[in-house]
N, C-alpha and C. Protein backbone atom coordinates (compact mmCIF):
# COMPACT_ATOMS: atom_id res chain seq x y z
N MET A 1 -137.54 -102.12 226.69
CA MET A 1 -137.29 -100.53 226.84
C MET A 1 -137.66 -99.92 225.68
N SER A 2 -138.75 -99.07 225.44
CA SER A 2 -139.01 -98.41 224.35
C SER A 2 -138.31 -96.93 224.36
N VAL A 3 -137.46 -96.36 223.18
CA VAL A 3 -136.79 -95.27 223.26
C VAL A 3 -137.61 -94.42 222.01
N LYS A 4 -137.67 -93.07 222.40
CA LYS A 4 -138.63 -92.07 221.74
C LYS A 4 -137.26 -90.87 221.29
N ILE A 5 -137.63 -90.43 220.22
CA ILE A 5 -136.51 -88.95 219.64
C ILE A 5 -137.81 -87.98 219.88
N ARG A 6 -137.51 -87.01 221.26
CA ARG A 6 -138.62 -86.39 220.92
C ARG A 6 -137.79 -84.87 221.53
N LEU A 7 -138.64 -83.87 221.78
CA LEU A 7 -138.11 -82.54 222.11
C LEU A 7 -138.35 -82.54 223.69
N ALA A 8 -137.09 -81.65 224.28
CA ALA A 8 -137.31 -81.39 225.81
C ALA A 8 -136.84 -79.83 225.75
N ARG A 9 -138.04 -79.35 226.35
CA ARG A 9 -137.97 -77.62 226.36
C ARG A 9 -137.28 -77.25 227.26
N HIS A 10 -136.75 -76.11 227.15
CA HIS A 10 -135.70 -75.53 227.97
C HIS A 10 -135.83 -73.83 227.87
N GLY A 11 -135.36 -73.17 228.52
CA GLY A 11 -135.39 -71.71 228.23
C GLY A 11 -136.42 -71.00 229.27
N ALA A 12 -136.47 -69.68 229.29
CA ALA A 12 -137.17 -68.83 230.04
C ALA A 12 -138.64 -68.85 229.74
N LYS A 13 -139.35 -68.52 230.54
CA LYS A 13 -140.75 -68.35 230.59
C LYS A 13 -141.11 -67.58 229.14
N LYS A 14 -141.99 -68.02 228.62
CA LYS A 14 -142.31 -67.32 227.16
C LYS A 14 -141.30 -67.09 226.27
N ALA A 15 -140.12 -67.46 226.42
CA ALA A 15 -138.92 -67.58 225.70
C ALA A 15 -138.36 -69.01 225.37
N PRO A 16 -138.95 -69.77 224.92
CA PRO A 16 -138.32 -71.38 224.99
C PRO A 16 -137.58 -71.78 223.66
N PHE A 17 -137.09 -72.75 224.00
CA PHE A 17 -135.95 -73.36 222.83
C PHE A 17 -135.68 -74.78 223.28
N TYR A 18 -135.58 -75.95 222.34
CA TYR A 18 -135.84 -77.22 222.64
C TYR A 18 -134.66 -78.12 222.03
N ARG A 19 -134.33 -79.06 222.78
CA ARG A 19 -133.31 -79.92 222.63
C ARG A 19 -133.99 -81.06 222.00
N VAL A 20 -133.27 -81.63 221.05
CA VAL A 20 -133.68 -83.03 220.25
C VAL A 20 -133.00 -83.89 221.28
N VAL A 21 -133.78 -84.70 222.00
CA VAL A 21 -133.08 -85.77 222.53
C VAL A 21 -133.64 -87.26 222.44
N ILE A 22 -132.80 -88.56 222.45
CA ILE A 22 -133.04 -89.66 222.63
C ILE A 22 -133.13 -90.01 224.01
N ALA A 23 -134.68 -90.26 224.46
CA ALA A 23 -134.86 -90.67 225.74
C ALA A 23 -136.09 -91.67 226.18
N ASP A 24 -135.91 -92.46 227.36
CA ASP A 24 -136.94 -93.54 227.32
C ASP A 24 -138.20 -92.94 227.51
N GLU A 25 -139.30 -93.57 226.94
CA GLU A 25 -140.71 -92.75 226.82
C GLU A 25 -141.30 -92.99 228.14
N ARG A 26 -140.53 -93.44 228.94
CA ARG A 26 -141.50 -93.52 230.49
C ARG A 26 -140.94 -92.36 231.49
N SER A 27 -139.87 -91.74 230.82
CA SER A 27 -139.17 -90.36 231.46
C SER A 27 -140.09 -89.30 231.28
N ARG A 28 -139.80 -88.10 232.06
CA ARG A 28 -140.52 -87.15 231.91
C ARG A 28 -140.17 -86.09 230.71
N ARG A 29 -140.87 -85.32 230.27
CA ARG A 29 -140.66 -84.41 229.01
C ARG A 29 -139.27 -83.77 229.11
N ASP A 30 -138.66 -83.22 230.39
CA ASP A 30 -137.50 -82.41 230.64
C ASP A 30 -136.53 -83.38 231.77
N GLY A 31 -137.06 -84.61 231.83
CA GLY A 31 -136.13 -85.40 232.73
C GLY A 31 -135.23 -85.85 232.15
N ARG A 32 -134.57 -87.23 232.74
CA ARG A 32 -133.58 -87.80 232.12
C ARG A 32 -133.73 -88.01 230.48
N PHE A 33 -132.54 -88.30 230.01
CA PHE A 33 -132.16 -88.27 228.67
C PHE A 33 -131.11 -89.33 228.33
N ILE A 34 -131.05 -89.80 227.08
CA ILE A 34 -130.00 -90.92 226.79
C ILE A 34 -128.82 -89.98 226.21
N GLU A 35 -129.66 -89.13 225.08
CA GLU A 35 -128.40 -88.39 224.42
C GLU A 35 -129.07 -87.30 223.98
N ILE A 36 -128.11 -86.09 223.53
CA ILE A 36 -128.75 -84.79 222.80
C ILE A 36 -128.34 -84.76 221.35
N VAL A 37 -129.29 -84.85 220.50
CA VAL A 37 -129.02 -85.09 219.06
C VAL A 37 -129.18 -83.85 217.96
N GLY A 38 -129.53 -82.97 219.01
CA GLY A 38 -129.94 -81.46 218.09
C GLY A 38 -130.48 -80.34 218.84
N ARG A 39 -130.65 -79.40 218.22
CA ARG A 39 -131.17 -78.16 218.92
C ARG A 39 -132.26 -77.55 217.89
N TYR A 40 -133.48 -77.08 218.47
CA TYR A 40 -134.43 -76.33 217.94
C TYR A 40 -134.49 -74.82 218.44
N ASN A 41 -134.68 -73.77 217.76
CA ASN A 41 -134.99 -72.67 218.36
C ASN A 41 -135.90 -71.85 217.47
N PRO A 42 -137.43 -71.85 217.83
CA PRO A 42 -138.50 -71.06 217.10
C PRO A 42 -138.46 -69.83 217.27
N ARG A 43 -137.86 -69.27 218.26
CA ARG A 43 -138.09 -67.70 218.38
C ARG A 43 -137.00 -66.87 217.50
N SER A 44 -136.06 -67.53 217.06
CA SER A 44 -135.08 -66.74 216.30
C SER A 44 -135.62 -66.64 214.58
N GLU A 45 -135.21 -65.81 213.92
CA GLU A 45 -135.63 -65.42 212.69
C GLU A 45 -134.44 -65.44 211.29
N PRO A 46 -134.74 -66.39 210.62
CA PRO A 46 -135.36 -67.84 210.80
C PRO A 46 -135.26 -68.68 211.51
N SER A 47 -136.20 -69.51 211.92
CA SER A 47 -136.06 -70.77 213.13
C SER A 47 -134.85 -71.51 212.68
N VAL A 48 -134.22 -72.01 213.60
CA VAL A 48 -132.76 -72.76 214.03
C VAL A 48 -133.14 -74.10 214.24
N VAL A 49 -132.84 -74.78 213.23
CA VAL A 49 -132.76 -76.49 213.45
C VAL A 49 -131.51 -76.97 213.14
N GLU A 50 -130.89 -77.47 214.31
CA GLU A 50 -129.67 -78.05 214.28
C GLU A 50 -129.82 -79.57 214.82
N LEU A 51 -129.57 -80.69 213.60
CA LEU A 51 -129.71 -81.96 213.92
C LEU A 51 -128.63 -82.92 213.46
N GLU A 52 -127.92 -83.47 214.32
CA GLU A 52 -126.95 -84.62 214.00
C GLU A 52 -127.88 -85.89 213.05
N LEU A 53 -127.94 -85.81 211.79
CA LEU A 53 -128.52 -86.56 211.30
C LEU A 53 -128.09 -88.14 211.33
N GLU A 54 -126.43 -87.98 211.40
CA GLU A 54 -126.12 -89.57 211.28
C GLU A 54 -126.38 -90.11 212.67
N LYS A 55 -126.19 -89.83 213.89
CA LYS A 55 -126.95 -90.17 215.26
C LYS A 55 -128.43 -90.60 215.33
N ILE A 56 -129.07 -89.62 214.43
CA ILE A 56 -130.61 -89.92 214.69
C ILE A 56 -130.76 -91.25 213.84
N ASP A 57 -130.09 -91.35 212.43
CA ASP A 57 -130.27 -92.60 211.76
C ASP A 57 -130.13 -93.82 212.34
N ALA A 58 -128.98 -93.67 213.35
CA ALA A 58 -128.53 -94.77 213.95
C ALA A 58 -129.36 -95.21 215.05
N TRP A 59 -130.10 -93.92 215.58
CA TRP A 59 -131.03 -94.63 216.81
C TRP A 59 -132.21 -95.14 216.09
N ILE A 60 -132.98 -94.63 215.04
CA ILE A 60 -133.93 -95.10 214.13
C ILE A 60 -133.46 -96.44 213.90
N ALA A 61 -132.23 -97.21 213.42
CA ALA A 61 -131.94 -98.43 212.99
C ALA A 61 -132.14 -99.26 214.33
N LYS A 62 -131.88 -98.69 215.69
CA LYS A 62 -132.17 -99.39 216.67
C LYS A 62 -133.30 -99.71 217.14
N GLY A 63 -134.30 -99.14 216.53
CA GLY A 63 -135.72 -99.02 216.84
C GLY A 63 -136.42 -97.67 217.52
N ALA A 64 -135.50 -96.75 217.92
CA ALA A 64 -136.36 -95.71 218.43
C ALA A 64 -137.28 -95.00 217.31
N GLN A 65 -138.47 -94.33 218.04
CA GLN A 65 -139.55 -93.85 217.21
C GLN A 65 -139.52 -92.39 217.35
N PRO A 66 -139.60 -91.44 216.48
CA PRO A 66 -139.47 -90.15 216.64
C PRO A 66 -141.15 -89.60 216.84
N THR A 67 -141.12 -88.74 217.64
CA THR A 67 -142.47 -88.29 217.78
C THR A 67 -142.86 -87.28 216.53
N GLU A 68 -144.17 -87.08 216.97
CA GLU A 68 -144.72 -86.29 215.40
C GLU A 68 -143.75 -84.98 215.49
N ALA A 69 -143.75 -84.07 216.41
CA ALA A 69 -142.78 -82.85 216.46
C ALA A 69 -141.54 -83.03 215.96
N ALA A 70 -140.70 -84.14 216.36
CA ALA A 70 -139.22 -84.38 216.04
C ALA A 70 -139.58 -85.15 214.60
N ALA A 71 -140.19 -86.05 214.19
CA ALA A 71 -140.48 -86.13 212.61
C ALA A 71 -140.30 -84.97 211.69
N LYS A 72 -141.15 -83.91 212.12
CA LYS A 72 -141.25 -82.94 211.48
C LYS A 72 -139.77 -82.01 211.17
N LEU A 73 -139.16 -82.12 212.45
CA LEU A 73 -137.80 -80.95 212.42
C LEU A 73 -136.92 -82.21 211.87
N ILE A 74 -137.07 -83.63 211.71
CA ILE A 74 -136.05 -84.36 210.82
C ILE A 74 -136.19 -84.37 209.39
N ALA A 75 -137.56 -84.17 209.01
CA ALA A 75 -137.75 -83.93 207.54
C ALA A 75 -137.38 -82.53 207.18
N ILE A 76 -137.39 -81.41 208.12
CA ILE A 76 -136.83 -80.16 207.73
C ILE A 76 -135.32 -80.10 207.44
N ALA A 77 -134.93 -80.96 208.37
CA ALA A 77 -133.16 -81.05 208.40
C ALA A 77 -132.84 -81.69 207.22
N ARG A 78 -133.54 -83.05 206.84
CA ARG A 78 -133.14 -83.27 205.31
C ARG A 78 -133.33 -82.89 204.36
N GLY A 79 -134.41 -81.62 204.18
CA GLY A 79 -134.86 -80.74 203.18
C GLY A 79 -135.94 -81.59 202.37
N GLU A 80 -136.71 -82.21 203.18
CA GLU A 80 -137.68 -82.89 202.48
C GLU A 80 -138.87 -81.91 202.81
N LYS A 81 -139.14 -81.02 203.97
CA LYS A 81 -139.99 -80.11 203.85
C LYS A 81 -139.11 -78.74 204.07
N GLU A 82 -140.18 -77.62 204.08
CA GLU A 82 -139.47 -76.23 204.21
C GLU A 82 -140.13 -75.97 205.60
N ALA A 83 -139.40 -75.11 206.42
CA ALA A 83 -139.53 -74.89 207.81
C ALA A 83 -140.81 -73.71 207.80
N PRO A 84 -141.75 -73.66 208.56
CA PRO A 84 -142.71 -72.89 208.64
C PRO A 84 -142.22 -71.56 209.10
N VAL A 85 -143.25 -70.82 208.48
CA VAL A 85 -142.85 -69.32 208.58
C VAL A 85 -144.13 -68.82 209.09
N GLU A 86 -143.87 -68.37 210.49
CA GLU A 86 -145.01 -67.88 211.27
C GLU A 86 -145.69 -66.40 210.73
N ALA A 87 -146.49 -65.65 210.70
CA ALA A 87 -146.67 -64.50 210.24
C ALA A 87 -146.41 -63.67 211.64
N ALA A 88 -145.74 -62.75 211.68
CA ALA A 88 -145.63 -61.82 212.55
C ALA A 88 -146.88 -61.34 213.06
N LYS A 89 -147.10 -61.58 214.59
CA LYS A 89 -147.94 -61.15 215.60
C LYS A 89 -147.75 -59.66 215.63
N VAL A 90 -148.80 -58.97 215.37
CA VAL A 90 -148.98 -57.58 215.70
C VAL A 90 -149.84 -57.23 216.81
N SER A 91 -149.34 -56.18 217.77
CA SER A 91 -150.03 -56.25 218.93
C SER A 91 -151.24 -55.19 218.36
N LYS A 92 -152.34 -55.28 219.53
CA LYS A 92 -153.61 -54.29 219.07
C LYS A 92 -153.24 -53.06 218.99
N LYS A 93 -152.06 -52.29 219.78
CA LYS A 93 -151.73 -51.04 219.44
C LYS A 93 -151.01 -50.76 218.18
N ALA A 94 -150.24 -51.57 217.87
CA ALA A 94 -149.72 -51.88 216.26
C ALA A 94 -150.44 -51.86 215.27
N ALA A 95 -151.56 -52.57 215.48
CA ALA A 95 -152.49 -52.93 214.52
C ALA A 95 -153.41 -51.45 214.42
N GLN A 96 -153.89 -50.90 215.55
CA GLN A 96 -154.56 -49.74 215.44
C GLN A 96 -153.65 -48.34 214.83
N LYS A 97 -152.39 -48.27 215.53
CA LYS A 97 -151.82 -47.40 214.84
C LYS A 97 -151.48 -47.58 213.27
N ALA A 98 -151.36 -48.68 212.59
CA ALA A 98 -151.40 -48.89 211.22
C ALA A 98 -152.34 -48.25 210.68
N ILE A 99 -153.72 -48.89 211.36
CA ILE A 99 -154.92 -48.49 210.63
C ILE A 99 -155.11 -46.79 210.68
N ASP A 100 -154.83 -46.15 211.60
CA ASP A 100 -154.76 -44.75 211.61
C ASP A 100 -154.00 -44.03 210.67
N ASP A 101 -152.83 -44.69 210.64
CA ASP A 101 -151.72 -44.07 209.57
C ASP A 101 -152.29 -44.19 208.00
N ALA A 102 -153.11 -45.52 207.88
CA ALA A 102 -153.75 -45.47 206.33
C ALA A 102 -154.87 -44.36 206.23
N ALA A 103 -155.60 -44.18 207.40
CA ALA A 103 -156.63 -43.23 207.32
C ALA A 103 -155.83 -41.91 206.73
N ALA A 104 -154.98 -41.65 207.71
CA ALA A 104 -154.33 -40.09 207.77
C ALA A 104 -153.73 -40.08 206.19
N ALA A 105 -153.18 -41.25 205.67
CA ALA A 105 -152.50 -41.08 204.29
C ALA A 105 -153.71 -40.81 203.63
N GLU A 106 -154.81 -41.54 203.59
CA GLU A 106 -155.97 -41.27 202.61
C GLU A 106 -156.88 -39.84 202.85
N LYS A 107 -156.63 -39.52 204.12
CA LYS A 107 -157.25 -38.25 204.19
C LYS A 107 -156.27 -37.04 203.46
N ALA A 108 -154.97 -37.41 203.47
CA ALA A 108 -153.85 -36.41 203.03
C ALA A 108 -154.07 -36.28 201.63
N VAL A 109 -154.38 -37.51 200.89
CA VAL A 109 -154.52 -37.46 199.37
C VAL A 109 -155.78 -36.86 199.17
N ALA A 110 -156.85 -37.22 200.01
CA ALA A 110 -158.06 -36.42 199.47
C ALA A 110 -157.79 -35.01 199.61
N ASP A 111 -157.14 -34.50 200.92
CA ASP A 111 -156.83 -32.93 200.91
C ASP A 111 -156.34 -32.20 199.77
N ALA A 112 -155.03 -33.26 199.19
CA ALA A 112 -154.46 -32.47 198.09
C ALA A 112 -155.22 -32.43 196.93
N ALA A 113 -156.09 -33.42 196.61
CA ALA A 113 -156.80 -33.50 195.59
C ALA A 113 -157.84 -32.37 195.43
N GLU A 114 -158.51 -31.96 196.73
CA GLU A 114 -159.26 -30.74 196.88
C GLU A 114 -158.64 -29.62 196.70
N ALA A 115 -157.41 -29.67 197.30
CA ALA A 115 -156.61 -28.06 197.24
C ALA A 115 -156.41 -28.10 195.63
N LYS A 116 -156.15 -29.29 195.04
CA LYS A 116 -155.65 -29.10 193.23
C LYS A 116 -156.99 -28.49 192.84
N LYS A 117 -158.19 -29.26 193.21
CA LYS A 117 -159.43 -28.59 192.45
C LYS A 117 -159.92 -27.45 192.64
N ALA A 118 -159.48 -26.91 194.02
CA ALA A 118 -159.87 -25.31 194.35
C ALA A 118 -158.83 -24.72 193.67
N ALA A 119 -157.40 -24.77 193.32
CA ALA A 119 -156.61 -23.92 192.60
C ALA A 119 -156.96 -23.98 191.36
N ALA A 120 -157.49 -24.95 190.62
CA ALA A 120 -157.88 -24.87 189.44
C ALA A 120 -159.21 -24.30 189.44
N GLU A 121 -160.10 -23.99 190.31
CA GLU A 121 -161.20 -23.32 190.03
C GLU A 121 -160.83 -21.86 190.21
N GLU A 122 -159.79 -21.42 191.33
CA GLU A 122 -159.41 -20.10 191.40
C GLU A 122 -158.46 -19.36 190.15
N ALA A 123 -157.93 -20.56 189.35
CA ALA A 123 -157.05 -19.94 187.95
C ALA A 123 -158.40 -19.91 186.81
N ALA A 124 -159.33 -20.59 186.86
CA ALA A 124 -160.66 -20.65 186.12
C ALA A 124 -161.20 -19.31 186.23
N ALA A 125 -161.34 -18.87 187.38
CA ALA A 125 -162.12 -17.55 187.91
C ALA A 125 -161.27 -16.64 187.51
N ALA A 126 -159.78 -16.43 187.67
CA ALA A 126 -158.95 -15.48 187.36
C ALA A 126 -158.87 -15.13 185.89
N LYS A 127 -158.94 -16.25 185.26
CA LYS A 127 -158.74 -16.20 183.81
C LYS A 127 -160.36 -15.75 183.37
N ALA A 128 -161.44 -15.67 183.58
CA ALA A 128 -162.79 -15.42 183.34
C ALA A 128 -162.95 -13.91 183.81
N ALA A 129 -162.22 -13.60 184.99
CA ALA A 129 -162.06 -12.10 185.22
C ALA A 129 -161.33 -11.21 184.63
N ALA A 130 -160.35 -11.94 183.87
CA ALA A 130 -159.07 -11.26 182.94
C ALA A 130 -160.16 -11.04 181.76
N ASP A 131 -160.74 -11.96 180.99
CA ASP A 131 -161.41 -11.88 179.89
C ASP A 131 -162.69 -11.11 180.20
N GLU A 132 -163.25 -10.63 181.38
CA GLU A 132 -164.25 -9.76 181.16
C GLU A 132 -163.71 -8.32 181.09
N ALA A 133 -162.35 -8.07 182.18
CA ALA A 133 -162.00 -6.85 181.90
C ALA A 133 -161.52 -6.67 180.62
N ALA A 134 -160.94 -7.49 179.62
CA ALA A 134 -160.70 -7.12 178.60
C ALA A 134 -161.71 -7.10 177.69
N ALA A 135 -162.85 -7.41 177.53
CA ALA A 135 -163.87 -7.30 176.94
C ALA A 135 -164.58 -5.98 177.52
N GLU A 136 -164.35 -5.63 178.45
CA GLU A 136 -164.82 -4.12 178.95
C GLU A 136 -164.02 -3.02 178.51
N GLU A 137 -162.63 -3.34 178.20
CA GLU A 137 -161.86 -2.60 177.74
C GLU A 137 -162.04 -2.29 176.17
N VAL A 138 -162.46 -3.35 175.62
CA VAL A 138 -162.79 -3.31 174.16
C VAL A 138 -164.34 -2.87 173.96
N VAL A 139 -165.30 -2.76 175.05
CA VAL A 139 -166.51 -1.98 175.06
C VAL A 139 -166.08 -0.31 175.16
N GLU A 140 -165.42 0.03 175.98
CA GLU A 140 -164.87 1.16 176.22
C GLU A 140 -164.35 1.71 174.95
N GLU A 141 -163.53 1.13 174.37
CA GLU A 141 -162.96 1.83 173.30
C GLU A 141 -163.65 2.11 172.04
N ALA A 142 -164.72 1.06 171.93
CA ALA A 142 -165.62 0.75 170.65
C ALA A 142 -166.39 2.24 170.36
N PRO A 143 -167.00 2.55 171.49
CA PRO A 143 -167.83 4.15 171.35
C PRO A 143 -167.05 5.30 170.59
N VAL A 144 -165.73 4.99 171.11
CA VAL A 144 -164.77 6.32 170.61
C VAL A 144 -164.62 6.11 169.31
N GLU A 145 -164.29 4.84 168.90
CA GLU A 145 -164.23 4.57 167.49
C GLU A 145 -165.35 4.53 166.65
N GLU A 146 -166.63 4.25 167.24
CA GLU A 146 -167.59 4.43 166.62
C GLU A 146 -167.68 5.93 166.33
N ALA A 147 -167.78 6.83 167.37
CA ALA A 147 -168.08 8.20 167.09
C ALA A 147 -167.20 8.74 165.98
N ALA A 148 -165.97 8.22 166.10
CA ALA A 148 -165.00 8.99 164.93
C ALA A 148 -165.59 8.43 163.65
N ALA A 149 -165.85 7.22 163.44
CA ALA A 149 -166.56 6.97 162.40
C ALA A 149 -167.74 7.57 161.78
N GLU A 150 -168.47 7.80 162.69
CA GLU A 150 -169.74 8.48 162.58
C GLU A 150 -169.46 9.91 162.12
N GLU A 151 -168.67 10.74 162.65
CA GLU A 151 -168.37 11.98 162.38
C GLU A 151 -167.69 11.87 160.93
N ALA A 152 -166.79 10.89 160.57
CA ALA A 152 -166.33 10.64 159.27
C ALA A 152 -167.26 10.57 158.51
N ALA A 153 -168.54 9.81 158.52
CA ALA A 153 -169.32 9.62 157.67
C ALA A 153 -170.23 10.92 157.62
N GLU A 154 -170.38 11.62 158.38
CA GLU A 154 -171.42 12.58 158.47
C GLU A 154 -170.61 13.71 157.59
N GLU A 155 -169.06 13.82 157.71
CA GLU A 155 -168.54 14.82 156.76
C GLU A 155 -168.45 14.54 155.25
N ALA A 156 -168.58 13.00 154.96
CA ALA A 156 -168.58 12.62 153.60
C ALA A 156 -169.91 12.58 153.18
N ALA A 157 -170.85 12.60 153.90
CA ALA A 157 -172.11 12.40 153.17
C ALA A 157 -172.73 13.64 152.57
N PRO A 158 -173.27 13.69 151.38
CA PRO A 158 -174.03 14.97 151.06
C PRO A 158 -174.96 15.44 151.76
N GLU A 159 -175.32 16.55 151.56
CA GLU A 159 -176.40 17.38 152.24
C GLU A 159 -177.63 16.45 152.44
N GLU A 160 -178.58 16.97 153.30
CA GLU A 160 -179.53 15.83 153.41
C GLU A 160 -180.56 15.93 152.31
N PRO A 161 -181.22 14.78 151.82
CA PRO A 161 -181.98 14.83 150.99
C PRO A 161 -183.22 15.50 150.99
N ALA A 162 -184.01 16.07 149.80
CA ALA A 162 -184.96 16.64 149.63
C ALA A 162 -186.02 16.06 150.81
N ALA A 163 -186.97 17.08 151.02
CA ALA A 163 -188.29 16.41 151.93
C ALA A 163 -189.20 15.64 151.11
N ASP A 164 -188.59 15.38 149.96
CA ASP A 164 -189.59 14.91 148.73
C ASP A 164 -189.52 13.22 149.15
N GLU A 165 -188.43 12.84 149.19
CA GLU A 165 -187.83 11.54 149.28
C GLU A 165 -187.90 10.95 150.59
N PRO A 166 -188.55 9.93 150.69
CA PRO A 166 -188.62 9.16 152.00
C PRO A 166 -187.28 8.80 152.66
N ALA A 167 -187.37 8.79 153.79
CA ALA A 167 -185.93 8.02 154.39
C ALA A 167 -185.81 6.59 154.07
N ALA A 168 -186.85 5.78 154.01
CA ALA A 168 -186.93 4.31 153.98
C ALA A 168 -186.25 3.93 152.54
N GLU A 169 -186.31 4.72 151.64
CA GLU A 169 -185.51 4.39 150.14
C GLU A 169 -183.93 4.48 150.39
N GLU A 170 -183.59 5.57 151.26
CA GLU A 170 -182.13 5.51 151.50
C GLU A 170 -181.52 4.29 152.20
N VAL A 171 -182.42 3.53 153.21
CA VAL A 171 -181.95 2.41 153.49
C VAL A 171 -181.99 1.23 152.63
N VAL A 172 -182.90 1.40 151.83
CA VAL A 172 -183.02 0.48 150.84
C VAL A 172 -181.68 0.31 149.90
N GLU A 173 -181.43 1.59 149.56
CA GLU A 173 -180.36 1.94 148.45
C GLU A 173 -179.11 1.35 149.28
N GLU A 174 -178.85 1.92 150.55
CA GLU A 174 -177.45 1.52 151.33
C GLU A 174 -177.23 0.03 151.33
N ALA A 175 -178.58 -0.65 151.66
CA ALA A 175 -178.31 -1.89 151.75
C ALA A 175 -178.23 -2.95 150.68
N ALA A 176 -178.76 -2.31 149.69
CA ALA A 176 -178.62 -2.87 148.34
C ALA A 176 -177.10 -3.26 147.78
N PRO A 177 -176.21 -2.20 147.74
CA PRO A 177 -175.01 -2.39 147.36
C PRO A 177 -174.42 -3.57 147.98
N GLU A 178 -174.67 -3.51 149.62
CA GLU A 178 -174.02 -4.66 150.27
C GLU A 178 -174.60 -5.91 149.74
N GLU A 179 -175.71 -6.35 149.50
CA GLU A 179 -176.56 -7.35 149.12
C GLU A 179 -175.97 -7.98 147.48
N ALA A 180 -175.60 -6.92 147.02
CA ALA A 180 -174.93 -7.39 145.47
C ALA A 180 -173.76 -7.86 145.70
N ALA A 181 -172.86 -7.18 146.64
CA ALA A 181 -171.59 -7.57 146.72
C ALA A 181 -171.40 -8.78 147.51
N GLU A 182 -172.50 -9.50 148.13
CA GLU A 182 -172.65 -11.04 148.96
C GLU A 182 -172.99 -11.86 147.83
N GLU A 183 -173.94 -11.47 146.83
CA GLU A 183 -174.50 -12.18 145.72
C GLU A 183 -173.21 -12.54 144.76
N ALA A 184 -172.53 -11.47 144.40
CA ALA A 184 -171.51 -11.63 143.41
C ALA A 184 -170.29 -12.42 144.41
N ALA A 185 -170.07 -12.38 145.35
CA ALA A 185 -168.86 -13.13 146.22
C ALA A 185 -169.08 -14.61 146.07
N PRO A 186 -170.32 -15.49 146.08
CA PRO A 186 -170.57 -16.91 145.83
C PRO A 186 -170.24 -17.05 144.42
N ALA A 187 -170.55 -15.97 143.57
CA ALA A 187 -170.64 -16.36 142.15
C ALA A 187 -169.42 -16.55 141.55
N GLU A 188 -168.28 -15.69 142.31
CA GLU A 188 -166.88 -15.83 141.89
C GLU A 188 -166.18 -17.00 142.50
N ASP A 189 -166.58 -17.58 143.38
CA ASP A 189 -165.95 -18.91 143.94
C ASP A 189 -166.16 -20.12 143.06
N GLU A 190 -167.71 -20.23 142.57
CA GLU A 190 -167.66 -21.31 141.65
C GLU A 190 -167.11 -20.89 140.49
């Protein structure tokens, strides 16, 4: 008689757990067994592997052969292998919701950036309007000051020149002292 170390499935539909059993290879999967040597629950997080390694080693010494699945569980129980970690399965609804949430987050970030840009543009427009208003105030004040300066210049100016002298000479004479001052200023710097 040939003896196997194998898994016997138990539990409800779509909710299995397994017993690790010593059984005759001719018996059915969930049928008659000789001895229970452990348990395996893949549905818990993390998976539970409970094996009595002393009993398993004794049966292997007697000639029992572990199946492929049982050999993997024995290696995990001895620490030779790490237990497999399956990625959590996500339903279609949950996957779509995650995609929608990511899209909404991206849209919110884009809207915030647009709002910040619009606020910066409004601030720049307000500053430009304030600068224009200040420039208009300066322009409005300037004619008053110019008019006062012209009146003072007229009062201080001598009577009009004689009709013999042309008006162009006055302009040249007035410009000449300014040019002389400008020519003298660079000479002083050197």
